[in-house]
């Protein structure tokens, strides 16, 4: 069995290596006709930018992607500097009409990464472009096959009943060893390229063009690559979950649920909507996790899309203000965080081997509360500014520019926190870094769950043997054992109801329940030390 597992590891690493190396393959030659049509489509009709591209010889030379992208970025940077000079010129001349037009142009075209990516997509040629099917097999195909061959022998499908975490604290991949650090570096690098340097990994999009075109009739973008990769990883790691937790019906159903909502709602439906000329929308993605739902470009798109756009707008508002709190009242935040959410789905599948790494220290709990509620407040402030500016036509509220706060939140929270840190740091800080410390929706759900929900995890202190399995494997950093020893219900706002604490308990002490509000919070007195007067304790209770 070890031979099969090692063979699978070799095949997986081979596919990963080819996937990574593919960004260096091929040539990039931008034709003048492609350049002109692209600029016309974007409404960029100016001699300066045309001349900049001609002078760079990018329309004539065959270049590797890194050299190509560097030149394109340089050209666009010069163009931006040119427009800065025009803005300053019109400002000095007090020609507000021309200044406004130039400033608006600069704002609309400030995201040079998207322009550079689009040009790289038009200019690409070579082995990857000409052999997309073969490249898919050599990357995704080998990766899937190798991962399954590695997983199946490790988990012993026909082994005895029970959840096995053997050796998890001794493995360099799951105990912050050198393998874990290598995985962190790779994941962080992947997210940085995906979010901030997508033009450098355009070859990945060529590999998935056939699938993207079959779904939406559009060529693949970096976000299609991410969505497809997300689904593939979740499916493969879900196989591992099915085997590991095969005797626990709750875990089987929960894993199936997050797979369904990710593949169908987050991936397939938005692509099909694009094919049907509708606004692309993930119907399970609630605000404020869907932080750009109230951005002016999205509101404009929805209001101009007829009945379907109006339905999406109303649905998004109802989902946030009505459906989310009602569902949390009846079922706790687990209905979303552990059954529906894509972030939670990735954490529960890919992140399951790292769940024991979540810190249970008091300082982590304090940091968690400050950070996650600060992000929630930030998202609400941003939305207030954006909506005020949208309805009034102003550019700022109380001195806070709408464009600045949107860009700041998008980069710091949407990209760095949710993506680079939230997933990249799985191997070191556990699988719920984003959910625990950064997700504004989790903060909102948690507030409802803590004070007005029927959900709780009940404990039977008389049967607890203090083995610590529950605390060790709590991905949200809750010291479950301390509650179990006291027979106290767990009603923490951070609990996502994953149920793993109950699943790994050898005595059946923990149980996920929905019950009446009365008695839900049942703090108990704990006898510690020799300074407790038992008679006073009895008299106070009586």
Protein backbone atom coordinates (compact mmCIF):
# COMPACT_ATOMS: atom_id res chain seq x y z
CA UNK A 1 0.00 0.00 0.00
CA UNK A 2 2.89 2.36 0.71
CA UNK A 3 4.20 1.81 -2.79
CA UNK A 4 0.85 2.84 -4.26
CA UNK A 5 0.73 5.89 -2.00
CA UNK A 6 4.25 7.00 -2.94
CA UNK A 7 3.42 6.45 -6.61
CA UNK A 8 0.39 8.69 -6.21
CA UNK A 9 2.51 11.35 -4.51
CA UNK A 10 5.01 11.26 -7.38
CA UNK A 11 2.24 11.58 -9.98
CA UNK A 12 0.61 14.46 -8.07
CA UNK A 13 3.88 16.37 -7.70
CA UNK A 14 4.59 15.81 -11.41
CA UNK A 15 1.23 17.34 -12.34
CA UNK A 16 1.80 20.23 -9.94
CA UNK A 17 5.28 20.84 -11.36
CA UNK A 18 3.98 20.88 -14.95
CA UNK A 19 1.13 23.20 -13.93
CA UNK A 20 3.60 25.60 -12.31
CA UNK A 21 6.14 25.41 -15.13
CA UNK A 22 3.48 25.99 -17.79
CA UNK A 23 3.53 29.73 -17.13
CA UNK A 24 7.00 29.88 -18.66
CA UNK A 25 5.98 28.19 -21.92
CA UNK A 26 4.96 29.75 -25.24
CA UNK A 27 5.45 33.03 -27.06
CA UNK A 28 3.51 36.29 -26.94
CA UNK A 29 3.21 38.36 -30.11
CA UNK A 30 0.71 41.21 -30.12
CA UNK A 31 -0.57 42.02 -33.59
CA UNK A 32 -1.37 45.60 -34.49
CA UNK A 33 -4.90 44.64 -35.51
CA UNK A 34 -5.54 42.89 -32.18
CA UNK A 35 -4.18 45.89 -30.32
CA UNK A 36 -6.35 48.34 -32.25
CA UNK A 37 -9.53 46.30 -31.78
CA UNK A 38 -8.86 45.92 -28.08
CA UNK A 39 -8.26 49.64 -27.58
CA UNK A 40 -11.41 50.47 -29.56
CA UNK A 41 -13.41 48.03 -27.44
CA UNK A 42 -12.11 49.63 -24.25
CA UNK A 43 -12.75 53.12 -25.61
CA UNK A 44 -9.06 53.98 -25.45
CA UNK A 45 -8.58 55.95 -28.63
CA UNK A 46 -5.54 58.14 -28.13
CA UNK A 47 -2.40 58.57 -30.16
CA UNK A 48 -0.14 58.58 -27.11
CA UNK A 49 -0.99 55.00 -26.07
CA UNK A 50 -0.88 53.75 -29.67
CA UNK A 51 2.58 55.23 -30.12
CA UNK A 52 3.77 53.83 -26.81
CA UNK A 53 2.87 50.31 -27.91
CA UNK A 54 4.50 50.83 -31.32
CA UNK A 55 7.68 52.23 -29.79
CA UNK A 56 7.93 49.28 -27.44
CA UNK A 57 7.97 46.89 -30.46
CA UNK A 58 5.59 44.65 -28.53
CA UNK A 59 3.50 44.22 -31.67
CA UNK A 60 6.50 42.84 -33.55
CA UNK A 61 8.66 40.83 -31.16
CA UNK A 62 8.02 37.35 -29.82
CA UNK A 63 8.47 37.45 -26.06
CA UNK A 64 8.11 35.24 -23.01
CA UNK A 65 5.21 36.08 -20.73
CA UNK A 66 7.32 37.78 -18.06
CA UNK A 67 9.08 40.06 -20.55
CA UNK A 68 5.82 40.68 -22.40
CA UNK A 69 3.91 41.60 -19.26
CA UNK A 70 6.71 43.83 -18.00
CA UNK A 71 6.68 45.83 -21.24
CA UNK A 72 2.88 46.12 -21.26
CA UNK A 73 2.87 47.32 -17.65
CA UNK A 74 5.54 49.88 -18.53
CA UNK A 75 3.51 51.17 -21.47
CA UNK A 76 0.37 51.49 -19.34
CA UNK A 77 2.31 53.21 -16.57
CA UNK A 78 3.61 55.77 -19.08
CA UNK A 79 0.06 56.28 -20.30
CA UNK A 80 -1.13 56.90 -16.75
CA UNK A 81 1.68 59.42 -16.19
CA UNK A 82 0.66 61.13 -19.43
CA UNK A 83 -2.89 61.50 -18.18
CA UNK A 84 -1.68 62.75 -14.82
CA UNK A 85 0.11 65.53 -16.69
CA UNK A 86 -3.05 66.37 -18.64
CA UNK A 87 -5.09 66.49 -15.43
CA UNK A 88 -2.55 68.85 -13.86
CA UNK A 89 -2.58 70.99 -17.02
CA UNK A 90 -6.37 71.34 -17.08
CA UNK A 91 -6.38 71.92 -13.32
CA UNK A 92 -3.97 74.83 -13.69
CA UNK A 93 -6.05 76.25 -16.53
CA UNK A 94 -9.24 75.72 -14.49
CA UNK A 95 -10.70 73.80 -17.42
CA UNK A 96 -12.90 71.64 -15.23
CA UNK A 97 -14.76 69.97 -18.08
CA UNK A 98 -11.62 68.53 -19.68
CA UNK A 99 -10.10 67.74 -16.30
CA UNK A 100 -13.21 65.77 -15.31
CA UNK A 101 -13.12 63.75 -18.52
CA UNK A 102 -9.40 62.94 -18.18
CA UNK A 103 -9.77 62.06 -14.50
CA UNK A 104 -12.70 59.79 -15.25
CA UNK A 105 -10.63 58.09 -17.95
CA UNK A 106 -7.79 57.51 -15.54
CA UNK A 107 -10.11 56.11 -12.87
CA UNK A 108 -11.74 53.72 -15.33
CA UNK A 109 -8.40 52.44 -16.56
CA UNK A 110 -6.48 52.42 -13.29
CA UNK A 111 -6.49 48.63 -13.03
CA UNK A 112 -3.60 47.97 -15.40
CA UNK A 113 -3.52 44.31 -14.39
CA UNK A 114 -6.79 43.60 -16.19
CA UNK A 115 -5.62 45.43 -19.32
CA UNK A 116 -2.28 43.66 -19.31
CA UNK A 117 -4.03 40.30 -18.80
CA UNK A 118 -6.40 40.93 -21.70
CA UNK A 119 -3.52 41.81 -24.04
CA UNK A 120 -1.55 38.75 -22.92
CA UNK A 121 -4.61 36.62 -23.66
CA UNK A 122 -4.73 37.98 -27.21
CA UNK A 123 -0.99 37.63 -27.77
CA UNK A 124 -0.38 34.09 -26.49
CA UNK A 125 0.80 31.27 -28.75
CA UNK A 126 2.87 28.12 -28.53
CA UNK A 127 2.62 24.66 -26.97
CA UNK A 128 0.02 25.40 -24.29
CA UNK A 129 -2.31 27.23 -26.66
CA UNK A 130 -1.99 24.52 -29.30
CA UNK A 131 -2.32 21.53 -26.93
CA UNK A 132 -4.95 22.49 -24.38
CA UNK A 133 -6.36 18.98 -23.94
CA UNK A 134 -2.95 17.42 -23.42
CA UNK A 135 -1.98 20.16 -20.99
CA UNK A 136 -5.18 19.60 -19.02
CA UNK A 137 -4.29 15.92 -18.61
CA UNK A 138 -0.68 16.69 -17.68
CA UNK A 139 -1.75 19.21 -15.03
CA UNK A 140 -5.25 18.71 -13.65
CA UNK A 141 -5.49 15.09 -14.79
CA UNK A 142 -2.24 13.94 -13.19
CA UNK A 143 -2.94 16.03 -10.11
CA UNK A 144 -6.34 14.42 -9.53
CA UNK A 145 -5.11 10.90 -10.25
CA UNK A 146 -2.03 11.26 -8.07
CA UNK A 147 -3.96 12.78 -5.17
CA UNK A 148 -6.52 9.95 -5.17
CA UNK A 149 -3.81 7.27 -5.33
CA UNK A 150 -2.07 8.94 -2.39
CA UNK A 151 -5.23 9.36 -0.30
CA UNK A 152 -6.89 5.97 -0.68
CA UNK A 153 -4.13 3.74 0.79
CA UNK A 154 -3.45 6.25 3.58
CA UNK A 155 -7.03 6.09 4.88
CA UNK A 156 -7.55 2.33 4.51
CA UNK A 157 -11.07 2.14 3.14
CA UNK A 158 -11.71 -1.32 4.55
CA UNK A 159 -10.18 -0.64 7.96
CA UNK A 160 -11.99 -0.83 11.32
CA UNK A 161 -14.66 1.63 12.39
CA UNK A 162 -13.48 4.94 13.84
CA UNK A 163 -11.94 8.29 12.89
CA UNK A 164 -8.17 7.99 12.55
CA UNK A 165 -5.75 10.87 13.09
CA UNK A 166 -2.72 8.65 13.56
CA UNK A 167 0.62 10.42 13.34
CA UNK A 168 -0.93 13.84 12.66
CA UNK A 169 1.32 15.49 15.25
CA UNK A 170 4.44 13.76 13.94
CA UNK A 171 4.04 14.48 10.24
CA UNK A 172 6.06 17.38 8.80
CA UNK A 173 3.09 18.25 6.58
CA UNK A 174 0.57 18.56 9.41
CA UNK A 175 2.65 19.74 12.36
CA UNK A 176 4.25 22.94 11.05
CA UNK A 177 7.25 21.05 9.69
CA UNK A 178 9.30 21.87 6.60
CA UNK A 179 6.67 20.41 4.25
CA UNK A 180 3.99 22.63 5.79
CA UNK A 181 6.16 25.70 5.26
CA UNK A 182 6.77 24.73 1.63
CA UNK A 183 3.01 24.37 1.12
CA UNK A 184 2.47 27.80 2.71
CA UNK A 185 5.02 29.43 0.41
CA UNK A 186 3.45 27.83 -2.66
CA UNK A 187 -0.11 28.78 -1.69
CA UNK A 188 0.83 32.37 -0.82
CA UNK A 189 2.76 32.73 -4.09
CA UNK A 190 -0.17 31.28 -6.03
CA UNK A 191 -2.62 33.77 -4.52
CA UNK A 192 -0.30 36.73 -5.07
CA UNK A 193 0.02 35.87 -8.76
CA UNK A 194 -3.71 35.19 -9.09
CA UNK A 195 -4.84 38.44 -7.46
CA UNK A 196 -2.12 40.87 -8.42
CA UNK A 197 -0.19 39.43 -11.39
CA UNK A 198 -2.75 37.46 -13.39
CA UNK A 199 -1.10 38.43 -16.69
CA UNK A 200 1.92 36.33 -15.67
CA UNK A 201 -0.17 33.15 -15.34
CA UNK A 202 -2.29 33.59 -18.46
CA UNK A 203 -1.18 30.15 -19.72
CA UNK A 204 -3.30 28.58 -16.97
CA UNK A 205 -6.36 30.17 -18.52
CA UNK A 206 -5.51 28.73 -21.95
CA UNK A 207 -5.63 25.23 -20.44
CA UNK A 208 -9.23 25.75 -19.30
CA UNK A 209 -10.50 27.71 -22.30
CA UNK A 210 -12.42 24.72 -23.77
CA UNK A 211 -14.31 24.13 -20.51
CA UNK A 212 -15.05 27.81 -20.01
CA UNK A 213 -16.28 28.25 -23.59
CA UNK A 214 -18.55 25.19 -23.27
CA UNK A 215 -20.15 26.68 -20.13
CA UNK A 216 -20.33 30.42 -20.75
CA UNK A 217 -19.13 30.87 -24.35
CA UNK A 218 -16.31 33.02 -22.97
CA UNK A 219 -12.61 32.28 -22.74
CA UNK A 220 -11.32 31.45 -19.28
CA UNK A 221 -10.21 34.25 -16.98
CA UNK A 222 -8.01 33.90 -13.93
CA UNK A 223 -11.19 33.72 -11.85
CA UNK A 224 -12.50 30.81 -13.90
CA UNK A 225 -9.20 29.02 -13.25
CA UNK A 226 -9.59 29.71 -9.55
CA UNK A 227 -13.23 28.57 -9.47
CA UNK A 228 -12.49 25.38 -11.39
CA UNK A 229 -9.43 24.61 -9.27
CA UNK A 230 -11.47 25.32 -6.14
CA UNK A 231 -14.09 22.76 -7.17
CA UNK A 232 -11.51 20.14 -8.17
CA UNK A 233 -9.67 20.42 -4.85
CA UNK A 234 -12.89 20.24 -2.87
CA UNK A 235 -14.05 17.12 -4.75
CA UNK A 236 -10.74 15.29 -4.32
CA UNK A 237 -10.45 16.18 -0.65
CA UNK A 238 -14.13 15.33 -0.15
CA UNK A 239 -13.23 11.76 -1.13
CA UNK A 240 -10.81 11.82 1.78
CA UNK A 241 -13.56 13.16 4.06
CA UNK A 242 -15.99 10.44 2.94
CA UNK A 243 -13.48 7.75 3.81
CA UNK A 244 -12.23 9.23 7.07
CA UNK A 245 -15.69 10.02 8.43
CA UNK A 246 -17.54 7.19 6.67
CA UNK A 247 -19.23 6.02 9.89
CA UNK A 248 -20.53 9.50 10.78
CA UNK A 249 -23.68 10.41 8.85
CA UNK A 250 -23.55 14.06 9.89
CA UNK A 251 -20.10 14.52 8.33
CA UNK A 252 -21.09 12.67 5.16
CA UNK A 253 -24.19 14.81 4.61
CA UNK A 254 -22.37 18.02 5.53
CA UNK A 255 -19.55 17.32 3.08
CA UNK A 256 -22.04 16.54 0.33
CA UNK A 257 -23.87 19.78 1.02
CA UNK A 258 -20.84 22.07 0.72
CA UNK A 259 -19.80 20.27 -2.46
CA UNK A 260 -23.23 20.80 -3.99
CA UNK A 261 -23.44 24.49 -3.14
CA UNK A 262 -19.90 25.19 -4.32
CA UNK A 263 -20.09 23.33 -7.63
CA UNK A 264 -23.68 24.21 -8.54
CA UNK A 265 -24.32 27.62 -6.98
CA UNK A 266 -20.86 29.19 -6.90
CA UNK A 267 -19.47 27.75 -10.15
CA UNK A 268 -21.98 26.34 -12.65
CA UNK A 269 -24.99 28.68 -12.23
CA UNK A 270 -22.96 31.92 -12.60
CA UNK A 271 -21.30 30.54 -15.75
CA UNK A 272 -24.63 29.49 -17.24
CA UNK A 273 -26.12 32.89 -16.40
CA UNK A 274 -23.27 34.52 -18.31
CA UNK A 275 -24.03 32.27 -21.27
CA UNK A 276 -27.66 33.42 -21.15
CA UNK A 277 -26.59 37.11 -21.10
CA UNK A 278 -27.66 37.51 -17.47
CA UNK A 279 -25.71 39.08 -14.61
CA UNK A 280 -23.42 36.44 -13.14
CA UNK A 281 -24.42 35.82 -9.53
CA UNK A 282 -23.77 33.34 -6.73
CA UNK A 283 -27.17 33.04 -5.03
CA UNK A 284 -25.69 31.66 -1.79
CA UNK A 285 -23.14 34.46 -1.33
CA UNK A 286 -24.57 36.83 1.26
CA UNK A 287 -23.50 40.36 2.12
CA UNK A 288 -21.15 41.37 3.76
CA UNK A 289 -19.11 38.38 2.61
CA UNK A 290 -20.24 39.47 -0.86
CA UNK A 291 -18.78 42.88 -0.06
CA UNK A 292 -19.19 44.42 -3.52
CA UNK A 293 -22.92 43.67 -3.79
CA UNK A 294 -23.78 47.33 -3.15
CA UNK A 295 -20.98 48.78 -5.27
CA UNK A 296 -22.30 51.19 -7.90
CA UNK A 297 -21.12 49.06 -10.83
CA UNK A 298 -23.08 46.07 -9.49
CA UNK A 299 -26.20 48.11 -8.68
CA UNK A 300 -26.07 49.65 -12.15
CA UNK A 301 -25.66 46.23 -13.77
CA UNK A 302 -28.59 44.77 -11.84
CA UNK A 303 -30.95 47.70 -12.38
CA UNK A 304 -30.22 47.64 -16.11
CA UNK A 305 -30.77 43.87 -16.45
CA UNK A 306 -34.55 43.82 -16.27
CA UNK A 307 -36.54 41.44 -14.09
CA UNK A 308 -33.66 39.05 -13.40
CA UNK A 309 -31.51 41.92 -12.16
CA UNK A 310 -34.30 43.18 -9.92
CA UNK A 311 -34.85 39.66 -8.57
CA UNK A 312 -31.13 39.32 -7.73
CA UNK A 313 -31.16 42.70 -6.00
CA UNK A 314 -34.21 41.84 -3.89
CA UNK A 315 -32.90 38.33 -3.17
CA UNK A 316 -29.52 39.67 -2.01
CA UNK A 317 -31.17 42.10 0.40
CA UNK A 318 -33.63 39.50 1.74
CA UNK A 319 -30.83 36.94 2.12
CA UNK A 320 -28.87 39.30 4.33
CA UNK A 321 -31.64 40.93 6.36
CA UNK A 322 -34.20 38.12 6.67
CA UNK A 323 -33.04 34.65 5.61
CA UNK A 324 -29.65 34.70 7.32
CA UNK A 325 -30.86 35.73 10.84
CA UNK A 326 -33.93 33.47 10.67
CA UNK A 327 -31.85 30.45 9.69
CA UNK A 328 -29.28 31.22 12.39
CA UNK A 329 -32.07 31.45 14.95
CA UNK A 330 -33.29 27.95 14.13
CA UNK A 331 -30.03 26.17 13.21
CA UNK A 332 -27.11 28.32 14.31
CA UNK A 333 -24.42 29.62 11.98
CA UNK A 334 -23.59 26.03 11.02
CA UNK A 335 -26.30 26.08 8.34
CA UNK A 336 -24.15 28.52 6.38
CA UNK A 337 -20.55 28.22 7.59
CA UNK A 338 -20.43 24.40 7.50
CA UNK A 339 -23.16 23.49 5.01
CA UNK A 340 -23.27 26.21 2.34
CA UNK A 341 -20.28 28.58 2.30
CA UNK A 342 -17.52 27.94 -0.24
CA UNK A 343 -14.84 29.31 2.10
CA UNK A 344 -16.06 26.94 4.77
CA UNK A 345 -16.26 24.13 2.22
CA UNK A 346 -12.60 24.52 1.28
CA UNK A 347 -11.67 24.72 4.96
CA UNK A 348 -13.56 21.52 5.72
CA UNK A 349 -12.08 19.52 2.84
CA UNK A 350 -8.62 20.81 1.95
CA UNK A 351 -8.14 22.18 5.46
CA UNK A 352 -9.23 19.14 7.46
CA UNK A 353 -5.64 17.84 7.96
CA UNK A 354 -4.76 21.17 9.60
CA UNK A 355 -7.74 21.70 11.91
CA UNK A 356 -5.76 20.80 15.05
CA UNK A 357 -3.37 23.71 14.43
CA UNK A 358 -5.94 26.36 15.41
CA UNK A 359 -4.67 28.14 18.53
CA UNK A 360 -6.70 27.71 21.70
CA UNK A 361 -4.83 30.43 23.65
CA UNK A 362 -6.69 33.27 25.33
CA UNK A 363 -4.69 35.84 23.35
CA UNK A 364 -5.92 34.23 20.12
CA UNK A 365 -9.53 34.47 21.30
CA UNK A 366 -9.07 38.17 22.13
CA UNK A 367 -7.42 38.85 18.78
CA UNK A 368 -10.22 36.95 17.04
CA UNK A 369 -12.94 39.10 18.60
CA UNK A 370 -11.20 42.38 17.85
CA UNK A 371 -10.25 41.50 14.27
CA UNK A 372 -13.45 39.91 13.00
CA UNK A 373 -15.71 42.61 14.41
CA UNK A 374 -13.39 45.33 13.10
CA UNK A 375 -13.70 43.85 9.60
CA UNK A 376 -17.50 43.79 10.00
CA UNK A 377 -17.50 47.45 11.04
CA UNK A 378 -15.18 48.30 8.14
CA UNK A 379 -17.49 46.58 5.63
CA UNK A 380 -20.57 48.35 6.99
CA UNK A 381 -18.83 51.75 6.91
CA UNK A 382 -17.69 51.11 3.34
CA UNK A 383 -21.21 50.16 2.28
CA UNK A 384 -22.68 53.25 3.93
CA UNK A 385 -20.21 55.49 2.06
CA UNK A 386 -20.80 53.71 -1.25
CA UNK A 387 -24.60 53.86 -1.03
CA UNK A 388 -24.57 57.52 0.02
CA UNK A 389 -22.35 58.44 -2.93
CA UNK A 390 -24.42 56.29 -5.29
CA UNK A 391 -27.74 57.94 -4.43
CA UNK A 392 -26.45 61.51 -3.99
CA UNK A 393 -23.84 61.62 -6.74
CA UNK A 394 -21.21 62.77 -4.22
CA UNK A 395 -17.66 61.42 -4.32
CA UNK A 396 -17.20 61.14 -0.54
CA UNK A 397 -18.98 61.02 2.81
CA UNK A 398 -17.54 62.89 5.80
CA UNK A 399 -14.28 63.17 3.92
CA UNK A 400 -14.09 59.44 3.08
CA UNK A 401 -13.81 59.00 -0.72
CA UNK A 402 -15.93 56.15 -2.03
CA UNK A 403 -13.27 54.96 -4.49
CA UNK A 404 -10.57 54.97 -1.81
CA UNK A 405 -12.51 52.95 0.76
CA UNK A 406 -13.69 50.43 -1.86
CA UNK A 407 -10.16 49.89 -3.15
CA UNK A 408 -8.74 49.66 0.36
CA UNK A 409 -11.25 47.04 1.47
CA UNK A 410 -10.94 45.08 -1.78
CA UNK A 411 -7.16 44.85 -1.53
CA UNK A 412 -6.64 44.46 2.21
CA UNK A 413 -9.67 42.31 3.09
CA UNK A 414 -10.94 40.84 -0.19
CA UNK A 415 -7.51 39.87 -1.55
CA UNK A 416 -4.87 39.74 1.19
CA UNK A 417 -6.90 38.61 4.19
CA UNK A 418 -9.48 36.34 2.55
CA UNK A 419 -7.17 34.89 -0.12
CA UNK A 420 -3.46 35.18 0.53
CA UNK A 421 -3.60 34.82 4.32
CA UNK A 422 -6.97 33.10 4.72
CA UNK A 423 -6.02 30.07 2.62
CA UNK A 424 -2.25 30.35 2.30
CA UNK A 425 -1.74 30.02 6.05
CA UNK A 426 -3.74 26.79 6.47
CA UNK A 427 -0.59 24.67 7.11
CA UNK A 428 0.58 26.88 9.99
CA UNK A 429 -2.43 28.52 11.67
CA UNK A 430 -5.17 26.00 10.90
CA UNK A 431 -7.94 25.75 8.36
CA UNK A 432 -10.29 28.51 9.55
CA UNK A 433 -7.98 31.53 9.59
CA UNK A 434 -10.33 33.65 7.45
CA UNK A 435 -13.55 32.30 9.00
CA UNK A 436 -12.27 32.83 12.52
CA UNK A 437 -10.45 36.16 12.26
CA UNK A 438 -11.68 37.97 9.15
CA UNK A 439 -15.05 36.99 7.67
CA UNK A 440 -17.58 39.80 8.26
CA UNK A 441 -20.50 37.48 7.55
CA UNK A 442 -19.23 35.04 10.18
CA UNK A 443 -19.13 37.95 12.64
CA UNK A 444 -22.72 38.85 11.78
CA UNK A 445 -23.88 35.23 12.08
CA UNK A 446 -21.97 34.86 15.33
CA UNK A 447 -23.69 37.81 16.96
CA UNK A 448 -27.10 36.31 16.19
CA UNK A 449 -26.02 32.83 17.27
CA UNK A 450 -24.61 34.01 20.58
CA UNK A 451 -27.67 35.91 21.74
CA UNK A 452 -30.70 34.62 19.79
CA UNK A 453 -30.40 31.07 18.50
CA UNK A 454 -31.79 27.65 19.34
CA UNK A 455 -28.46 26.00 18.51
CA UNK A 456 -26.07 24.77 21.16
CA UNK A 457 -23.67 21.89 21.78
CA UNK A 458 -24.77 20.11 24.92
CA UNK A 459 -22.28 18.31 27.15
CA UNK A 460 -22.42 15.50 29.70
CA UNK A 461 -19.73 16.36 32.22
CA UNK A 462 -20.24 13.12 34.15
CA UNK A 463 -18.90 11.05 31.24
CA UNK A 464 -16.02 13.32 30.16
CA UNK A 465 -12.62 11.64 30.60
CA UNK A 466 -10.65 14.80 29.68
CA UNK A 467 -8.92 13.16 26.73
CA UNK A 468 -8.84 16.52 24.92
CA UNK A 469 -9.76 15.19 21.49
CA UNK A 470 -12.58 17.74 21.18
CA UNK A 471 -10.36 20.75 21.92
CA UNK A 472 -7.50 19.46 19.80
CA UNK A 473 -9.61 19.15 16.68
CA UNK A 474 -11.75 22.27 17.10
CA UNK A 475 -10.94 24.33 14.03
CA UNK A 476 -12.29 27.52 15.62
CA UNK A 477 -9.89 27.39 18.57
CA UNK A 478 -12.54 26.70 21.22
CA UNK A 479 -11.38 24.82 24.31
CA UNK A 480 -14.31 22.42 24.14
CA UNK A 481 -12.96 20.22 26.92
CA UNK A 482 -13.31 23.02 29.48
CA UNK A 483 -17.03 23.17 28.73
CA UNK A 484 -17.43 19.39 28.70
CA UNK A 485 -15.75 18.99 32.09
CA UNK A 486 -18.29 21.39 33.61
CA UNK A 487 -21.29 19.99 31.75
CA UNK A 488 -21.83 23.45 30.29
CA UNK A 489 -23.52 24.08 26.93
CA UNK A 490 -21.28 25.51 24.23
CA UNK A 491 -22.87 28.65 22.81
CA UNK A 492 -19.79 30.45 21.54
CA UNK A 493 -20.41 32.88 18.67
CA UNK A 494 -17.43 31.50 16.75
CA UNK A 495 -18.67 27.88 16.72
CA UNK A 496 -19.50 26.81 13.15
CA UNK A 497 -21.18 23.55 14.19
CA UNK A 498 -18.87 21.36 12.14
CA UNK A 499 -19.53 18.54 14.63
CA UNK A 500 -16.00 17.15 14.58
CA UNK A 501 -15.65 17.63 18.36
CA UNK A 502 -18.64 15.31 18.79
CA UNK A 503 -17.35 12.91 16.15
CA UNK A 504 -13.94 12.40 17.81
CA UNK A 505 -15.30 12.12 21.37
CA UNK A 506 -14.82 8.49 22.55
CA UNK A 507 -17.54 8.78 25.20
CA UNK A 508 -20.38 10.51 23.35
CA UNK A 509 -20.21 13.52 25.67
CA UNK A 510 -21.00 16.16 23.05
CA UNK A 511 -24.19 16.55 21.04
CA UNK A 512 -25.28 19.21 18.53
CA UNK A 513 -28.83 20.27 19.34
CA UNK A 514 -31.52 22.82 18.50
CA UNK A 515 -33.75 23.48 21.48
CA UNK A 516 -35.65 26.13 23.42
CA UNK A 517 -33.93 29.37 24.41
CA UNK A 518 -34.61 28.77 28.11
CA UNK A 519 -31.68 26.98 29.65
CA UNK A 520 -29.53 27.33 26.54
CA UNK A 521 -26.91 29.28 28.45
CA UNK A 522 -26.16 27.32 31.61
CA UNK A 523 -22.95 28.54 33.26
CA UNK A 524 -21.81 26.39 36.14
CA UNK A 525 -19.58 27.06 39.13
CA UNK A 526 -16.25 25.30 39.01
CA UNK A 527 -14.53 24.18 42.20
CA UNK A 528 -10.85 25.04 41.93
CA UNK A 529 -8.31 25.17 44.80
CA UNK A 530 -8.98 24.97 48.52
CA UNK A 531 -10.49 28.41 49.04
CA UNK A 532 -14.06 27.55 48.04
CA UNK A 533 -16.55 27.42 50.91
CA UNK A 534 -18.86 24.59 49.89
CA UNK A 535 -21.56 25.63 52.37
CA UNK A 536 -21.66 29.16 50.93
CA UNK A 537 -21.94 27.69 47.46
CA UNK A 538 -24.87 25.51 48.50
CA UNK A 539 -26.62 28.34 50.33
CA UNK A 540 -26.24 30.70 47.36
CA UNK A 541 -27.80 28.17 45.01
CA UNK A 542 -30.65 27.41 47.35
